[in-house]
Amino acid sequence: MDGKVEKGSLAEVQEAVRKATVNGSTLPNVILNRVQVDEFIDDVVDEAVLLKRVRVARRSEPSGEINRLYFSGPVTEQASLTSSERAPSEAQVLFDTVKLRSSFDLSSDFMEDIKASSPEAARSRIAKLFASQISNDIEMLGIEGDSSIAGSTTASDRLLRANDGWSELLKDNLPAAQDIDAAGAGPSKLLYFNMLKAMPTKYKRQKGKFVWVVAPSVQEDWVYVMSERATPAGDKSVEGYVAKPWGIPMLEVPLMPIDQTYGTGVTDATEIWLLDPKNLVFIIQRKVKWEWQRQPRSDAWEATVHTRVDVVIENENAVVRAKNVSLTGTDYTG
């Protein structure tokens, strides 16, 4: 055998299909249809950590309202009364999506190496590859976004300046008593206790749904502290114990920032959030556009994906935050 593919053989047909899988017609400039965009959104959410736990709202319009229903007091009364003295309180959360652009450069060799049975299957595989990084970017924007960022010299600035994320929304709207300033101190048992005490009592009926949203290093710190205890709980910590300060599990989110500054000396500050993850809302418009351009001189394909997203908090009164928590500070003492 000289390594050549025999004409008319099955191998020749498979090679022809492979080479034809990725070409100009395989990668059209399109707005994804309803099924395709839902699959893409599913991939983006599934690749994330926090987005997977929050409420995801898929909308056809770029801006509008999300209905919420919460109760300000008892809604049950004596049936013989002639009128209702209390009724559910209805309100809306406004959203206004911002347009994002995600760009990828793929070499022709890479594109040709994609094994797929059809152009549609090739597009699906490429979309899943893109969804992983887009998911990472959107979650980062959802957490740390700050529309007041003026610079655009770094990739992070160009992303984060697009919109305000949940951290900025908490800074602007959280009740003062529920925004605890650790002032450069480290996480401690008392900090978690004070956060739990700061949560309004009426929301604690949902305590079983609460989590501490933390960076991995914060969870690792708690597990280490627990491992120092000469008890069965200390042994379990070393073996991968699930961290649950005051009975509430930690949700470890790798994209929670650990490089915030406080004062003149603290550069490793982070935040801790106490909430029901479904109180955080991620909105994405069902209008995702894919565009491809071949660059012959660089032997590459340029891919551009346009999406529109926003994040909101359904009820800021049901959140407690600890800010300026230093990863190297002494334990918080109040």
C-alpha atoms as a PDB file:
ATOM      1  CA  MET A   1       0.000   0.000   0.000  1.00  0.00           C
ATOM      2  CA  ASP A   2       1.320   3.461  -0.937  1.00  0.00           C
ATOM      3  CA  GLY A   3      -1.006   5.352   1.404  1.00  0.00           C
ATOM      4  CA  LYS A   4      -3.270   6.586  -1.368  1.00  0.00           C
ATOM      5  CA  VAL A   5      -7.044   6.399  -0.962  1.00  0.00           C
ATOM      6  CA  GLU A   6      -8.526   4.026  -3.508  1.00  0.00           C
ATOM      7  CA  LYS A   7     -10.862   5.785  -5.914  1.00  0.00           C
ATOM      8  CA  GLY A   8     -14.510   4.964  -5.282  1.00  0.00           C
ATOM      9  CA  SER A   9     -13.804   3.351  -1.905  1.00  0.00           C
ATOM     10  CA  LEU A  10     -15.601   4.076   1.357  1.00  0.00           C
ATOM     11  CA  ALA A  11     -12.432   5.802   2.624  1.00  0.00           C
ATOM     12  CA  GLU A  12     -12.550   8.190  -0.338  1.00  0.00           C
ATOM     13  CA  VAL A  13     -16.160   9.074   0.385  1.00  0.00           C
ATOM     14  CA  GLN A  14     -15.414   9.653   4.098  1.00  0.00           C
ATOM     15  CA  GLU A  15     -12.456  11.877   3.215  1.00  0.00           C
ATOM     16  CA  ALA A  16     -14.595  13.897   0.806  1.00  0.00           C
ATOM     17  CA  VAL A  17     -17.271  14.369   3.463  1.00  0.00           C
ATOM     18  CA  ARG A  18     -14.658  15.462   6.008  1.00  0.00           C
ATOM     19  CA  LYS A  19     -13.139  18.053   3.687  1.00  0.00           C
ATOM     20  CA  ALA A  20     -16.542  19.347   2.665  1.00  0.00           C
ATOM     21  CA  THR A  21     -17.761  19.607   6.266  1.00  0.00           C
ATOM     22  CA  VAL A  22     -16.187  22.990   6.953  1.00  0.00           C
ATOM     23  CA  ASN A  23     -16.322  25.472   4.103  1.00  0.00           C
ATOM     24  CA  GLY A  24     -18.073  28.675   3.115  1.00  0.00           C
ATOM     25  CA  SER A  25     -21.499  27.069   2.944  1.00  0.00           C
ATOM     26  CA  THR A  26     -20.986  25.265   6.251  1.00  0.00           C
ATOM     27  CA  LEU A  27     -20.425  28.565   8.062  1.00  0.00           C
ATOM     28  CA  PRO A  28     -23.069  30.996   6.837  1.00  0.00           C
ATOM     29  CA  ASN A  29     -23.737  34.384   8.416  1.00  0.00           C
ATOM     30  CA  VAL A  30     -27.034  33.703  10.160  1.00  0.00           C
ATOM     31  CA  ILE A  31     -29.321  34.662  13.002  1.00  0.00           C
ATOM     32  CA  LEU A  32     -29.959  31.413  14.847  1.00  0.00           C
ATOM     33  CA  ASN A  33     -33.500  30.089  14.794  1.00  0.00           C
ATOM     34  CA  ARG A  34     -35.498  29.437  17.972  1.00  0.00           C
ATOM     35  CA  VAL A  35     -34.274  25.845  18.406  1.00  0.00           C
ATOM     36  CA  GLN A  36     -30.654  26.710  17.652  1.00  0.00           C
ATOM     37  CA  VAL A  37     -30.556  29.708  19.966  1.00  0.00           C
ATOM     38  CA  ASP A  38     -32.106  27.715  22.834  1.00  0.00           C
ATOM     39  CA  GLU A  39     -29.464  25.028  22.365  1.00  0.00           C
ATOM     40  CA  PHE A  40     -26.764  27.700  22.361  1.00  0.00           C
ATOM     41  CA  ILE A  41     -28.160  29.304  25.544  1.00  0.00           C
ATOM     42  CA  ASP A  42     -28.334  25.877  27.193  1.00  0.00           C
ATOM     43  CA  ASP A  43     -24.672  25.300  26.342  1.00  0.00           C
ATOM     44  CA  VAL A  44     -23.668  28.722  27.712  1.00  0.00           C
ATOM     45  CA  VAL A  45     -25.552  28.163  30.983  1.00  0.00           C
ATOM     46  CA  ASP A  46     -24.374  24.567  31.420  1.00  0.00           C
ATOM     47  CA  GLU A  47     -20.727  25.601  31.087  1.00  0.00           C
ATOM     48  CA  ALA A  48     -21.054  28.169  33.906  1.00  0.00           C
ATOM     49  CA  VAL A  49     -21.099  27.752  37.687  1.00  0.00           C
ATOM     50  CA  LEU A  50     -23.271  30.607  38.936  1.00  0.00           C
ATOM     51  CA  LEU A  51     -25.399  31.022  35.793  1.00  0.00           C
ATOM     52  CA  LYS A  52     -26.424  27.396  36.172  1.00  0.00           C
ATOM     53  CA  ARG A  53     -28.017  28.203  39.540  1.00  0.00           C
ATOM     54  CA  VAL A  54     -29.657  31.592  38.857  1.00  0.00           C
ATOM     55  CA  ARG A  55     -32.949  32.296  37.133  1.00  0.00           C
ATOM     56  CA  VAL A  56     -32.471  32.423  33.362  1.00  0.00           C
ATOM     57  CA  ALA A  57     -34.965  34.572  31.453  1.00  0.00           C
ATOM     58  CA  ARG A  58     -35.019  34.153  27.671  1.00  0.00           C
ATOM     59  CA  ARG A  59     -36.651  37.084  25.952  1.00  0.00           C
ATOM     60  CA  SER A  60     -37.506  38.027  22.386  1.00  0.00           C
ATOM     61  CA  GLU A  61     -37.279  41.771  23.047  1.00  0.00           C
ATOM     62  CA  PRO A  62     -34.081  43.664  23.964  1.00  0.00           C
ATOM     63  CA  SER A  63     -35.697  45.449  26.919  1.00  0.00           C
ATOM     64  CA  GLY A  64     -38.826  45.195  29.010  1.00  0.00           C
ATOM     65  CA  GLU A  65     -40.128  43.964  32.353  1.00  0.00           C
ATOM     66  CA  ILE A  66     -39.898  40.724  34.292  1.00  0.00           C
ATOM     67  CA  ASN A  67     -42.858  40.084  36.529  1.00  0.00           C
ATOM     68  CA  ARG A  68     -42.261  39.253  40.141  1.00  0.00           C
ATOM     69  CA  LEU A  69     -44.751  38.333  42.792  1.00  0.00           C
ATOM     70  CA  TYR A  70     -43.939  38.715  46.451  1.00  0.00           C
ATOM     71  CA  PHE A  71     -46.111  39.044  49.524  1.00  0.00           C
ATOM     72  CA  SER A  72     -45.890  41.889  51.973  1.00  0.00           C
ATOM     73  CA  GLY A  73     -47.882  40.092  54.661  1.00  0.00           C
ATOM     74  CA  PRO A  74     -50.539  37.439  55.315  1.00  0.00           C
ATOM     75  CA  VAL A  75     -52.908  36.739  52.426  1.00  0.00           C
ATOM     76  CA  THR A  76     -55.234  34.359  54.306  1.00  0.00           C
ATOM     77  CA  GLU A  77     -58.107  35.715  56.386  1.00  0.00           C
ATOM     78  CA  GLN A  78     -61.409  34.746  57.964  1.00  0.00           C
ATOM     79  CA  ALA A  79     -63.719  33.721  55.135  1.00  0.00           C
ATOM     80  CA  SER A  80     -66.746  35.546  56.582  1.00  0.00           C
ATOM     81  CA  LEU A  81     -65.090  38.943  56.139  1.00  0.00           C
ATOM     82  CA  THR A  82     -66.666  40.973  53.358  1.00  0.00           C
ATOM     83  CA  SER A  83     -63.524  42.404  51.844  1.00  0.00           C
ATOM     84  CA  SER A  84     -59.892  41.562  51.517  1.00  0.00           C
ATOM     85  CA  GLU A  85     -57.673  43.678  53.692  1.00  0.00           C
ATOM     86  CA  ARG A  86     -54.489  42.345  52.203  1.00  0.00           C
ATOM     87  CA  ALA A  87     -53.502  41.374  48.688  1.00  0.00           C
ATOM     88  CA  PRO A  88     -50.376  40.202  46.925  1.00  0.00           C
ATOM     89  CA  SER A  89     -47.976  42.971  46.001  1.00  0.00           C
ATOM     90  CA  GLU A  90     -47.096  42.925  42.327  1.00  0.00           C
ATOM     91  CA  ALA A  91     -44.100  44.621  40.852  1.00  0.00           C
ATOM     92  CA  GLN A  92     -41.851  44.412  37.831  1.00  0.00           C
ATOM     93  CA  VAL A  93     -38.119  44.298  37.425  1.00  0.00           C
ATOM     94  CA  LEU A  94     -36.924  46.304  34.439  1.00  0.00           C
ATOM     95  CA  PHE A  95     -34.212  44.999  32.153  1.00  0.00           C
ATOM     96  CA  ASP A  96     -32.319  46.522  29.247  1.00  0.00           C
ATOM     97  CA  THR A  97     -29.911  44.215  27.447  1.00  0.00           C
ATOM     98  CA  VAL A  98     -26.550  45.315  26.111  1.00  0.00           C
ATOM     99  CA  LYS A  99     -25.009  44.022  22.905  1.00  0.00           C
ATOM    100  CA  LEU A 100     -21.845  41.936  23.239  1.00  0.00           C
ATOM    101  CA  ARG A 101     -19.408  40.803  20.567  1.00  0.00           C
ATOM    102  CA  SER A 102     -17.375  37.614  20.955  1.00  0.00           C
ATOM    103  CA  SER A 103     -14.544  37.029  18.470  1.00  0.00           C
ATOM    104  CA  PHE A 104     -12.606  33.897  17.633  1.00  0.00           C
ATOM    105  CA  ASP A 105      -9.808  33.151  15.155  1.00  0.00           C
ATOM    106  CA  LEU A 106      -9.601  29.552  13.993  1.00  0.00           C
ATOM    107  CA  SER A 107      -6.870  28.207  11.741  1.00  0.00           C
ATOM    108  CA  SER A 108      -7.892  26.337   8.620  1.00  0.00           C
ATOM    109  CA  ASP A 109      -5.980  23.299   9.892  1.00  0.00           C
ATOM    110  CA  PHE A 110      -8.086  23.292  13.026  1.00  0.00           C
ATOM    111  CA  MET A 111     -11.281  23.601  11.034  1.00  0.00           C
ATOM    112  CA  GLU A 112     -10.290  20.753   8.752  1.00  0.00           C
ATOM    113  CA  ASP A 113      -9.480  18.545  11.730  1.00  0.00           C
ATOM    114  CA  ILE A 114     -13.059  18.742  12.985  1.00  0.00           C
ATOM    115  CA  LYS A 115     -14.610  15.341  12.364  1.00  0.00           C
ATOM    116  CA  ALA A 116     -18.340  15.535  11.764  1.00  0.00           C
ATOM    117  CA  SER A 117     -20.875  13.628   9.722  1.00  0.00           C
ATOM    118  CA  SER A 118     -22.459  16.722   8.193  1.00  0.00           C
ATOM    119  CA  PRO A 119     -22.128  20.518   8.017  1.00  0.00           C
ATOM    120  CA  GLU A 120     -24.850  20.814  10.669  1.00  0.00           C
ATOM    121  CA  ALA A 121     -22.904  18.548  13.021  1.00  0.00           C
ATOM    122  CA  ALA A 122     -19.746  20.588  12.390  1.00  0.00           C
ATOM    123  CA  ARG A 123     -21.565  23.815  13.268  1.00  0.00           C
ATOM    124  CA  SER A 124     -22.887  22.196  16.438  1.00  0.00           C
ATOM    125  CA  ARG A 125     -19.398  21.144  17.540  1.00  0.00           C
ATOM    126  CA  ILE A 126     -17.938  24.569  16.837  1.00  0.00           C
ATOM    127  CA  ALA A 127     -20.809  26.247  18.707  1.00  0.00           C
ATOM    128  CA  LYS A 128     -20.136  24.132  21.796  1.00  0.00           C
ATOM    129  CA  LEU A 129     -16.470  25.118  21.699  1.00  0.00           C
ATOM    130  CA  PHE A 130     -17.408  28.798  21.550  1.00  0.00           C
ATOM    131  CA  ALA A 131     -20.116  28.477  24.213  1.00  0.00           C
ATOM    132  CA  SER A 132     -17.559  27.472  26.831  1.00  0.00           C
ATOM    133  CA  GLN A 133     -15.575  30.736  26.590  1.00  0.00           C
ATOM    134  CA  ILE A 134     -18.633  32.910  26.010  1.00  0.00           C
ATOM    135  CA  SER A 135     -20.127  31.389  29.165  1.00  0.00           C
ATOM    136  CA  ASN A 136     -17.001  32.303  31.123  1.00  0.00           C
ATOM    137  CA  ASP A 137     -17.129  35.897  29.837  1.00  0.00           C
ATOM    138  CA  ILE A 138     -20.841  36.401  30.468  1.00  0.00           C
ATOM    139  CA  GLU A 139     -20.598  35.045  34.019  1.00  0.00           C
ATOM    140  CA  MET A 140     -17.649  37.352  34.695  1.00  0.00           C
ATOM    141  CA  LEU A 141     -19.667  40.298  33.369  1.00  0.00           C
ATOM    142  CA  GLY A 142     -22.677  39.239  35.444  1.00  0.00           C
ATOM    143  CA  ILE A 143     -20.607  39.251  38.626  1.00  0.00           C
ATOM    144  CA  GLU A 144     -18.113  42.080  38.158  1.00  0.00           C
ATOM    145  CA  GLY A 145     -19.577  44.276  35.417  1.00  0.00           C
ATOM    146  CA  ASP A 146     -19.160  48.014  36.018  1.00  0.00           C
ATOM    147  CA  SER A 147     -20.424  50.469  33.410  1.00  0.00           C
ATOM    148  CA  SER A 148     -18.377  53.265  35.003  1.00  0.00           C
ATOM    149  CA  ILE A 149     -15.081  51.746  33.808  1.00  0.00           C
ATOM    150  CA  ALA A 150     -13.608  54.333  31.459  1.00  0.00           C
ATOM    151  CA  GLY A 151     -10.613  52.485  30.064  1.00  0.00           C
ATOM    152  CA  SER A 152     -10.565  49.890  27.335  1.00  0.00           C
ATOM    153  CA  THR A 153      -6.887  48.961  27.190  1.00  0.00           C
ATOM    154  CA  THR A 154      -7.321  45.446  28.589  1.00  0.00           C
ATOM    155  CA  ALA A 155      -9.611  42.645  27.496  1.00  0.00           C
ATOM    156  CA  SER A 156     -11.171  42.596  30.973  1.00  0.00           C
ATOM    157  CA  ASP A 157     -11.990  46.318  30.828  1.00  0.00           C
ATOM    158  CA  ARG A 158     -13.537  45.968  27.375  1.00  0.00           C
ATOM    159  CA  LEU A 159     -15.784  43.237  28.760  1.00  0.00           C
ATOM    160  CA  LEU A 160     -16.667  44.605  32.206  1.00  0.00           C
ATOM    161  CA  ARG A 161     -17.501  48.150  31.064  1.00  0.00           C
ATOM    162  CA  ALA A 162     -20.417  46.795  28.994  1.00  0.00           C
ATOM    163  CA  ASN A 163     -22.898  46.622  31.860  1.00  0.00           C
ATOM    164  CA  ASP A 164     -23.358  46.691  35.639  1.00  0.00           C
ATOM    165  CA  GLY A 165     -23.136  43.242  37.225  1.00  0.00           C
ATOM    166  CA  TRP A 166     -24.717  41.932  40.395  1.00  0.00           C
ATOM    167  CA  SER A 167     -21.947  43.337  42.605  1.00  0.00           C
ATOM    168  CA  GLU A 168     -22.557  46.880  41.344  1.00  0.00           C
ATOM    169  CA  LEU A 169     -26.322  46.433  41.649  1.00  0.00           C
ATOM    170  CA  LEU A 170     -25.877  45.373  45.272  1.00  0.00           C
ATOM    171  CA  LYS A 171     -23.657  48.380  45.939  1.00  0.00           C
ATOM    172  CA  ASP A 172     -26.317  50.717  44.554  1.00  0.00           C
ATOM    173  CA  ASN A 173     -29.482  49.118  45.936  1.00  0.00           C
ATOM    174  CA  LEU A 174     -28.755  46.941  48.972  1.00  0.00           C
ATOM    175  CA  PRO A 175     -30.172  48.184  52.301  1.00  0.00           C
ATOM    176  CA  ALA A 176     -27.306  49.569  54.398  1.00  0.00           C
ATOM    177  CA  ALA A 177     -27.908  47.136  57.277  1.00  0.00           C
ATOM    178  CA  GLN A 178     -27.489  44.228  54.865  1.00  0.00           C
ATOM    179  CA  ASP A 179     -24.200  45.466  53.383  1.00  0.00           C
ATOM    180  CA  ILE A 180     -21.593  44.470  55.971  1.00  0.00           C
ATOM    181  CA  ASP A 181     -18.148  46.023  55.671  1.00  0.00           C
ATOM    182  CA  ALA A 182     -15.409  43.657  56.847  1.00  0.00           C
ATOM    183  CA  ALA A 183     -12.927  46.564  56.480  1.00  0.00           C
ATOM    184  CA  GLY A 184     -10.034  44.359  55.401  1.00  0.00           C
ATOM    185  CA  ALA A 185     -10.627  41.600  57.955  1.00  0.00           C
ATOM    186  CA  GLY A 186     -10.701  37.944  57.007  1.00  0.00           C
ATOM    187  CA  PRO A 187     -13.732  35.624  56.965  1.00  0.00           C
ATOM    188  CA  SER A 188     -14.708  34.213  60.343  1.00  0.00           C
ATOM    189  CA  LYS A 189     -17.503  32.418  62.139  1.00  0.00           C
ATOM    190  CA  LEU A 190     -18.736  35.764  63.473  1.00  0.00           C
ATOM    191  CA  LEU A 191     -18.863  37.298  59.984  1.00  0.00           C
ATOM    192  CA  TYR A 192     -21.121  34.524  58.700  1.00  0.00           C
ATOM    193  CA  PHE A 193     -23.253  34.786  61.836  1.00  0.00           C
ATOM    194  CA  ASN A 194     -23.671  38.552  61.486  1.00  0.00           C
ATOM    195  CA  MET A 195     -24.611  38.135  57.845  1.00  0.00           C
ATOM    196  CA  LEU A 196     -27.253  35.579  58.729  1.00  0.00           C
ATOM    197  CA  LYS A 197     -28.619  37.866  61.471  1.00  0.00           C
ATOM    198  CA  ALA A 198     -28.816  40.741  58.984  1.00  0.00           C
ATOM    199  CA  MET A 199     -31.160  38.799  56.705  1.00  0.00           C
ATOM    200  CA  PRO A 200     -34.740  40.007  57.359  1.00  0.00           C
ATOM    201  CA  THR A 201     -36.678  37.359  59.271  1.00  0.00           C
ATOM    202  CA  LYS A 202     -39.503  37.127  56.734  1.00  0.00           C
ATOM    203  CA  TYR A 203     -37.097  35.807  54.108  1.00  0.00           C
ATOM    204  CA  LYS A 204     -35.656  33.115  56.371  1.00  0.00           C
ATOM    205  CA  ARG A 205     -38.567  30.828  55.577  1.00  0.00           C
ATOM    206  CA  GLN A 206     -36.607  30.244  52.356  1.00  0.00           C
ATOM    207  CA  LYS A 207     -33.447  29.483  54.350  1.00  0.00           C
ATOM    208  CA  GLY A 208     -33.241  26.008  52.849  1.00  0.00           C
ATOM    209  CA  LYS A 209     -32.567  27.645  49.473  1.00  0.00           C
ATOM    210  CA  PHE A 210     -29.861  30.018  50.729  1.00  0.00           C
ATOM    211  CA  VAL A 211     -26.198  29.669  49.757  1.00  0.00           C
ATOM    212  CA  TRP A 212     -23.027  31.573  50.521  1.00  0.00           C
ATOM    213  CA  VAL A 213     -21.663  32.669  47.129  1.00  0.00           C
ATOM    214  CA  VAL A 214     -17.893  32.691  47.593  1.00  0.00           C
ATOM    215  CA  ALA A 215     -14.586  32.485  45.754  1.00  0.00           C
ATOM    216  CA  PRO A 216     -12.799  29.107  46.016  1.00  0.00           C
ATOM    217  CA  SER A 217     -10.187  30.520  48.396  1.00  0.00           C
ATOM    218  CA  VAL A 218     -12.919  31.565  50.848  1.00  0.00           C
ATOM    219  CA  GLN A 219     -14.337  28.060  50.926  1.00  0.00           C
ATOM    220  CA  GLU A 220     -10.853  26.607  51.272  1.00  0.00           C
ATOM    221  CA  ASP A 221     -10.217  28.921  54.234  1.00  0.00           C
ATOM    222  CA  TRP A 222     -13.347  27.703  56.012  1.00  0.00           C
ATOM    223  CA  VAL A 223     -12.528  24.046  55.337  1.00  0.00           C
ATOM    224  CA  TYR A 224      -9.010  24.572  56.707  1.00  0.00           C
ATOM    225  CA  VAL A 225     -10.349  26.181  59.878  1.00  0.00           C
ATOM    226  CA  MET A 226     -12.750  23.274  60.335  1.00  0.00           C
ATOM    227  CA  SER A 227      -9.961  20.734  59.702  1.00  0.00           C
ATOM    228  CA  GLU A 228      -8.056  22.128  62.703  1.00  0.00           C
ATOM    229  CA  ARG A 229     -10.805  20.963  65.044  1.00  0.00           C
ATOM    230  CA  ALA A 230     -10.054  17.698  66.850  1.00  0.00           C
ATOM    231  CA  THR A 231     -13.518  16.357  66.102  1.00  0.00           C
ATOM    232  CA  PRO A 232     -15.144  14.090  63.487  1.00  0.00           C
ATOM    233  CA  ALA A 233     -16.084  17.267  61.596  1.00  0.00           C
ATOM    234  CA  GLY A 234     -12.383  18.158  61.417  1.00  0.00           C
ATOM    235  CA  ASP A 235     -11.559  14.771  59.915  1.00  0.00           C
ATOM    236  CA  LYS A 236     -14.347  15.115  57.356  1.00  0.00           C
ATOM    237  CA  SER A 237     -13.001  18.525  56.305  1.00  0.00           C
ATOM    238  CA  VAL A 238      -9.717  17.008  55.223  1.00  0.00           C
ATOM    239  CA  GLU A 239     -11.649  14.408  53.226  1.00  0.00           C
ATOM    240  CA  GLY A 240     -13.657  16.910  51.205  1.00  0.00           C
ATOM    241  CA  TYR A 241     -16.283  18.028  53.708  1.00  0.00           C
ATOM    242  CA  VAL A 242     -19.064  20.184  52.263  1.00  0.00           C
ATOM    243  CA  ALA A 243     -18.611  23.610  53.844  1.00  0.00           C
ATOM    244  CA  LYS A 244     -21.836  24.792  55.533  1.00  0.00           C
ATOM    245  CA  PRO A 245     -21.321  27.713  57.942  1.00  0.00           C
ATOM    246  CA  TRP A 246     -24.397  27.871  60.171  1.00  0.00           C
ATOM    247  CA  GLY A 247     -25.990  25.080  58.142  1.00  0.00           C
ATOM    248  CA  ILE A 248     -25.941  26.975  54.827  1.00  0.00           C
ATOM    249  CA  PRO A 249     -23.875  25.456  51.991  1.00  0.00           C
ATOM    250  CA  MET A 250     -21.195  27.375  50.151  1.00  0.00           C
ATOM    251  CA  LEU A 251     -21.481  27.829  46.398  1.00  0.00           C
ATOM    252  CA  GLU A 252     -17.913  28.004  45.141  1.00  0.00           C
ATOM    253  CA  VAL A 253     -17.763  30.363  42.147  1.00  0.00           C
ATOM    254  CA  PRO A 254     -14.279  30.565  40.573  1.00  0.00           C
ATOM    255  CA  LEU A 255     -15.042  33.925  38.938  1.00  0.00           C
ATOM    256  CA  MET A 256     -15.842  35.721  42.204  1.00  0.00           C
ATOM    257  CA  PRO A 257     -13.157  38.451  42.397  1.00  0.00           C
ATOM    258  CA  ILE A 258     -10.249  38.089  44.816  1.00  0.00           C
ATOM    259  CA  ASP A 259      -8.287  41.177  43.754  1.00  0.00           C
ATOM    260  CA  GLN A 260     -10.429  44.047  44.982  1.00  0.00           C
ATOM    261  CA  THR A 261      -8.709  46.839  46.903  1.00  0.00           C
ATOM    262  CA  TYR A 262      -9.528  48.322  50.289  1.00  0.00           C
ATOM    263  CA  GLY A 263      -7.724  51.308  51.799  1.00  0.00           C
ATOM    264  CA  THR A 264      -4.053  51.535  50.930  1.00  0.00           C
ATOM    265  CA  GLY A 265      -2.806  48.081  51.847  1.00  0.00           C
ATOM    266  CA  VAL A 266      -5.434  45.483  50.975  1.00  0.00           C
ATOM    267  CA  THR A 267      -5.308  44.196  47.408  1.00  0.00           C
ATOM    268  CA  ASP A 268      -6.806  40.736  47.880  1.00  0.00           C
ATOM    269  CA  ALA A 269     -10.320  41.676  48.959  1.00  0.00           C
ATOM    270  CA  THR A 270     -13.405  39.736  47.923  1.00  0.00           C
ATOM    271  CA  GLU A 271     -17.137  39.596  48.619  1.00  0.00           C
ATOM    272  CA  ILE A 272     -19.455  37.019  50.178  1.00  0.00           C
ATOM    273  CA  TRP A 273     -23.123  36.928  49.214  1.00  0.00           C
ATOM    274  CA  LEU A 274     -25.930  35.295  51.194  1.00  0.00           C
ATOM    275  CA  LEU A 275     -28.987  34.678  49.029  1.00  0.00           C
ATOM    276  CA  ASP A 276     -31.233  32.319  47.148  1.00  0.00           C
ATOM    277  CA  PRO A 277     -29.506  32.006  43.737  1.00  0.00           C
ATOM    278  CA  LYS A 278     -32.876  32.262  41.983  1.00  0.00           C
ATOM    279  CA  ASN A 279     -33.051  35.842  43.256  1.00  0.00           C
ATOM    280  CA  LEU A 280     -30.378  36.640  40.663  1.00  0.00           C
ATOM    281  CA  VAL A 281     -31.698  36.893  37.102  1.00  0.00           C
ATOM    282  CA  PHE A 282     -29.737  36.474  33.889  1.00  0.00           C
ATOM    283  CA  ILE A 283     -31.578  37.778  30.808  1.00  0.00           C
ATOM    284  CA  ILE A 284     -30.534  36.835  27.299  1.00  0.00           C
ATOM    285  CA  GLN A 285     -32.329  37.861  24.137  1.00  0.00           C
ATOM    286  CA  ARG A 286     -33.312  35.115  21.732  1.00  0.00           C
ATOM    287  CA  LYS A 287     -31.421  36.811  18.917  1.00  0.00           C
ATOM    288  CA  VAL A 288     -27.943  35.399  18.500  1.00  0.00           C
ATOM    289  CA  LYS A 289     -26.058  36.201  15.311  1.00  0.00           C
ATOM    290  CA  TRP A 290     -23.123  34.218  13.943  1.00  0.00           C
ATOM    291  CA  GLU A 291     -20.833  35.698  11.296  1.00  0.00           C
ATOM    292  CA  TRP A 292     -17.839  34.118   9.563  1.00  0.00           C
ATOM    293  CA  GLN A 293     -15.116  35.592   7.395  1.00  0.00           C
ATOM    294  CA  ARG A 294     -12.313  33.759   5.632  1.00  0.00           C
ATOM    295  CA  GLN A 295      -8.865  35.407   5.745  1.00  0.00           C
ATOM    296  CA  PRO A 296      -6.816  33.753   2.972  1.00  0.00           C
ATOM    297  CA  ARG A 297      -3.507  35.488   3.769  1.00  0.00           C
ATOM    298  CA  SER A 298      -3.525  34.243   7.359  1.00  0.00           C
ATOM    299  CA  ASP A 299      -5.140  30.918   6.387  1.00  0.00           C
ATOM    300  CA  ALA A 300      -7.766  31.356   9.086  1.00  0.00           C
ATOM    301  CA  TRP A 301     -11.452  31.789   9.728  1.00  0.00           C
ATOM    302  CA  GLU A 302     -12.675  34.734  11.797  1.00  0.00           C
ATOM    303  CA  ALA A 303     -15.836  34.019  13.778  1.00  0.00           C
ATOM    304  CA  THR A 304     -17.961  36.712  15.432  1.00  0.00           C
ATOM    305  CA  VAL A 305     -20.934  36.053  17.707  1.00  0.00           C
ATOM    306  CA  HIS A 306     -23.329  38.840  18.762  1.00  0.00           C
ATOM    307  CA  THR A 307     -25.508  38.408  21.843  1.00  0.00           C
ATOM    308  CA  ARG A 308     -27.624  40.712  24.014  1.00  0.00           C
ATOM    309  CA  VAL A 309     -27.688  40.153  27.779  1.00  0.00           C
ATOM    310  CA  ASP A 310     -28.509  41.801  31.100  1.00  0.00           C
ATOM    311  CA  VAL A 311     -28.544  40.858  34.786  1.00  0.00           C
ATOM    312  CA  VAL A 312     -30.915  42.048  37.508  1.00  0.00           C
ATOM    313  CA  ILE A 313     -31.776  41.226  41.111  1.00  0.00           C
ATOM    314  CA  GLU A 314     -35.402  40.395  41.688  1.00  0.00           C
ATOM    315  CA  ASN A 315     -35.490  41.444  45.345  1.00  0.00           C
ATOM    316  CA  GLU A 316     -32.507  43.268  46.836  1.00  0.00           C
ATOM    317  CA  ASN A 317     -34.118  43.095  50.284  1.00  0.00           C
ATOM    318  CA  ALA A 318     -33.511  39.327  50.342  1.00  0.00           C
ATOM    319  CA  VAL A 319     -29.723  39.576  49.974  1.00  0.00           C
ATOM    320  CA  VAL A 320     -26.903  40.146  52.460  1.00  0.00           C
ATOM    321  CA  ARG A 321     -23.384  40.990  51.346  1.00  0.00           C
ATOM    322  CA  ALA A 322     -20.039  41.149  53.119  1.00  0.00           C
ATOM    323  CA  LYS A 323     -17.589  43.409  51.281  1.00  0.00           C
ATOM    324  CA  ASN A 324     -13.887  44.192  51.695  1.00  0.00           C
ATOM    325  CA  VAL A 325     -13.178  40.693  53.004  1.00  0.00           C
ATOM    326  CA  SER A 326      -9.403  40.156  52.850  1.00  0.00           C
ATOM    327  CA  LEU A 327      -8.084  36.680  52.129  1.00  0.00           C
ATOM    328  CA  THR A 328      -5.022  37.394  54.272  1.00  0.00           C
ATOM    329  CA  GLY A 329      -6.596  39.610  56.941  1.00  0.00           C
ATOM    330  CA  THR A 330      -7.054  38.714  60.595  1.00  0.00           C
ATOM    331  CA  ASP A 331     -10.395  37.173  61.486  1.00  0.00           C
ATOM    332  CA  TYR A 332     -13.373  39.513  61.422  1.00  0.00           C
ATOM    333  CA  THR A 333     -14.420  40.444  64.976  1.00  0.00           C
ATOM    334  CA  GLY A 334     -17.245  42.874  64.254  1.00  0.00           C
END
